[in-house]
Protein backbone atom coordinates (compact mmCIF):
# COMPACT_ATOMS: atom_id res chain seq x y z
CA MET A 1 -11.51 0.31 16.59
CA PRO A 2 -7.80 1.10 16.95
CA ASP A 3 -6.85 4.63 18.01
CA HIS A 4 -4.92 6.66 15.46
CA ASN A 5 -1.55 7.44 16.93
CA PRO A 6 1.52 9.18 15.47
CA ALA A 7 2.98 5.93 14.12
CA VAL A 8 -0.28 4.96 12.39
CA GLU A 9 -0.72 8.48 11.04
CA ALA A 10 2.82 8.45 9.63
CA ALA A 11 2.25 5.12 7.91
CA ILE A 12 -1.09 6.28 6.45
CA GLU A 13 0.58 9.46 5.17
CA GLY A 14 3.29 7.34 3.54
CA GLU A 15 0.73 5.00 2.03
CA LEU A 16 -1.24 7.89 0.56
CA SER A 17 1.99 9.34 -0.85
CA LEU A 18 2.63 6.06 -2.65
CA LEU A 19 -0.68 6.43 -4.48
CA ASP A 20 0.37 9.86 -5.91
CA ALA A 21 1.49 9.69 -9.53
CA GLU A 22 4.16 12.36 -8.98
CA VAL A 23 5.71 10.30 -6.15
CA ARG A 24 5.47 7.10 -8.20
CA ARG A 25 7.36 8.73 -11.11
CA SER A 26 10.21 10.02 -8.91
CA PRO A 27 12.94 7.51 -8.07
CA GLU A 28 14.08 9.72 -5.16
CA ARG A 29 10.64 10.23 -3.61
CA LEU A 30 9.51 6.66 -4.19
CA GLY A 31 12.83 5.28 -2.94
CA ALA A 32 12.55 7.27 0.27
CA LEU A 33 9.31 5.43 1.07
CA LEU A 34 10.42 1.87 0.30
CA HIS A 35 12.40 -0.08 2.91
CA PRO A 36 15.71 -1.54 1.63
CA ALA A 37 14.27 -5.06 2.21
CA PHE A 38 10.88 -4.21 0.59
CA ARG A 39 8.86 -7.14 -0.82
CA GLU A 40 5.43 -7.24 -2.43
CA PHE A 41 3.02 -9.91 -3.54
CA GLY A 42 1.34 -7.91 -6.29
CA SER A 43 -2.28 -8.08 -7.31
CA SER A 44 -1.00 -9.58 -10.59
CA GLY A 45 0.57 -12.46 -8.69
CA ARG A 46 4.08 -11.15 -9.33
CA LEU A 47 6.68 -10.98 -6.55
CA TRP A 48 8.37 -7.57 -6.42
CA ASP A 49 11.48 -6.38 -4.61
CA ARG A 50 12.61 -2.81 -4.04
CA ALA A 51 14.70 -2.52 -7.23
CA SER A 52 12.05 -4.04 -9.51
CA MET A 53 9.30 -1.88 -8.00
CA LEU A 54 11.34 1.29 -8.38
CA ALA A 55 12.15 0.47 -12.00
CA HIS A 56 8.56 -0.47 -12.83
CA LEU A 57 6.71 2.44 -11.21
CA THR A 58 9.12 5.16 -12.28
CA SER A 59 9.03 4.00 -15.89
CA THR A 60 5.31 3.20 -16.30
CA THR A 61 3.51 5.92 -14.31
CA ARG A 62 2.28 8.47 -16.80
CA PRO A 63 2.25 12.21 -16.05
CA GLY A 64 -1.28 13.36 -15.27
CA SER A 65 -2.57 9.80 -14.90
CA ARG A 66 -5.81 9.41 -12.98
CA PRO A 67 -5.09 9.02 -9.28
CA ILE A 68 -5.55 5.70 -7.57
CA THR A 69 -8.53 6.04 -5.21
CA ALA A 70 -8.16 4.58 -1.71
CA SER A 71 -11.02 3.77 0.65
CA ARG A 72 -11.56 2.09 4.02
CA MET A 73 -7.96 2.80 5.11
CA LYS A 74 -7.27 1.64 8.65
CA GLY A 75 -4.12 1.09 10.65
CA VAL A 76 -2.97 -0.50 13.84
CA GLN A 77 0.41 -0.32 15.57
CA LEU A 78 1.65 -3.89 16.08
CA ALA A 79 4.92 -3.00 17.82
CA PRO A 80 6.87 0.20 18.57
CA ASP A 81 8.45 0.15 15.06
CA LEU A 82 5.75 -1.69 13.06
CA VAL A 83 2.35 -0.58 11.69
CA HIS A 84 -0.16 -2.61 9.68
CA ILE A 85 -2.35 -0.71 7.17
CA THR A 86 -5.34 -2.19 5.29
CA PHE A 87 -7.39 -0.50 2.58
CA ASP A 88 -9.04 -0.91 -0.81
CA THR A 89 -8.09 0.80 -4.08
CA GLU A 90 -9.69 1.47 -7.42
CA GLY A 91 -7.22 2.02 -10.25
CA ASP A 92 -7.59 4.06 -13.41
CA ASN A 93 -8.92 0.94 -15.17
CA GLY A 94 -11.64 0.42 -12.54
CA ARG A 95 -9.81 -2.55 -11.00
CA LEU A 96 -10.60 -3.11 -7.31
CA VAL A 97 -7.90 -4.40 -4.98
CA HIS A 98 -7.81 -5.20 -1.24
CA ARG A 99 -4.43 -4.05 0.11
CA SER A 100 -2.36 -4.81 3.20
CA SER A 101 0.94 -3.10 4.12
CA LEU A 102 3.52 -3.36 6.85
CA TRP A 103 5.42 -0.16 7.63
CA ARG A 104 8.66 -0.20 9.67
CA ARG A 105 10.25 2.74 11.41
CA THR A 106 13.90 3.19 10.45
CA ALA A 107 16.52 5.82 11.20
CA ASP A 108 15.24 7.58 8.03
CA GLY A 109 11.56 7.45 9.04
CA TRP A 110 8.65 5.14 8.26
CA ARG A 111 9.18 2.93 5.21
CA LEU A 112 7.06 0.36 3.46
CA TYR A 113 8.47 -3.07 4.30
CA PHE A 114 5.85 -5.43 2.85
CA HIS A 115 2.76 -5.07 0.71
CA GLN A 116 0.13 -7.42 -0.72
CA GLY A 117 -2.67 -6.68 -3.16
CA THR A 118 -5.59 -9.04 -3.82
CA PRO A 119 -8.08 -8.20 -6.59
CA PHE A 120 -11.81 -8.40 -5.84
CA SER A 121 -15.03 -7.66 -7.68
CA GLY A 122 -18.20 -5.99 -6.49
CA GLU A 123 -18.71 -4.21 -3.24
CA PRO A 124 -16.16 -4.75 -0.45
CA SER A 125 -17.52 -6.62 2.52
CA GLU A 126 -16.58 -6.36 6.14
CA PHE A 127 -14.46 -9.12 7.65
CA GLY A 128 -16.60 -12.11 8.55
CA ALA A 129 -19.60 -10.93 6.49
CA GLU A 130 -19.37 -13.77 3.96
CA PRO A 131 -18.62 -17.01 5.87
CA SER A 132 -19.44 -19.15 2.82
CA ASP A 133 -16.29 -17.78 1.09
CA ALA A 134 -14.09 -19.33 3.80
CA GLU A 135 -15.36 -22.85 3.15
């Protein structure tokens, strides 16, 4: 199990901030967390860039909306300026999504560089627990 270090802790803190409705509604706060070259393969299958994500989240996140619940969050530092975070979420509609993020350290702090969400159903399994799925 990877040790939590300051880089991993900073990326996890940023990731948790991105799940907060108040942050998602604020162009300034959200923009401070997204890298200028941000890209995402969304759980819907859509490809997002920084501008489209800022426009979407700040216009569609409702005040007082139910928070997105994160579980099984883990991180590992891949390089001095790069952290990989994995976790699962449950949205306000009960939708379950496996998530993977790459955070890069910049002169302005840790910023989300890449994100991918993959929907799943049922209980999450540990890696390697269902070898029949890989066939």
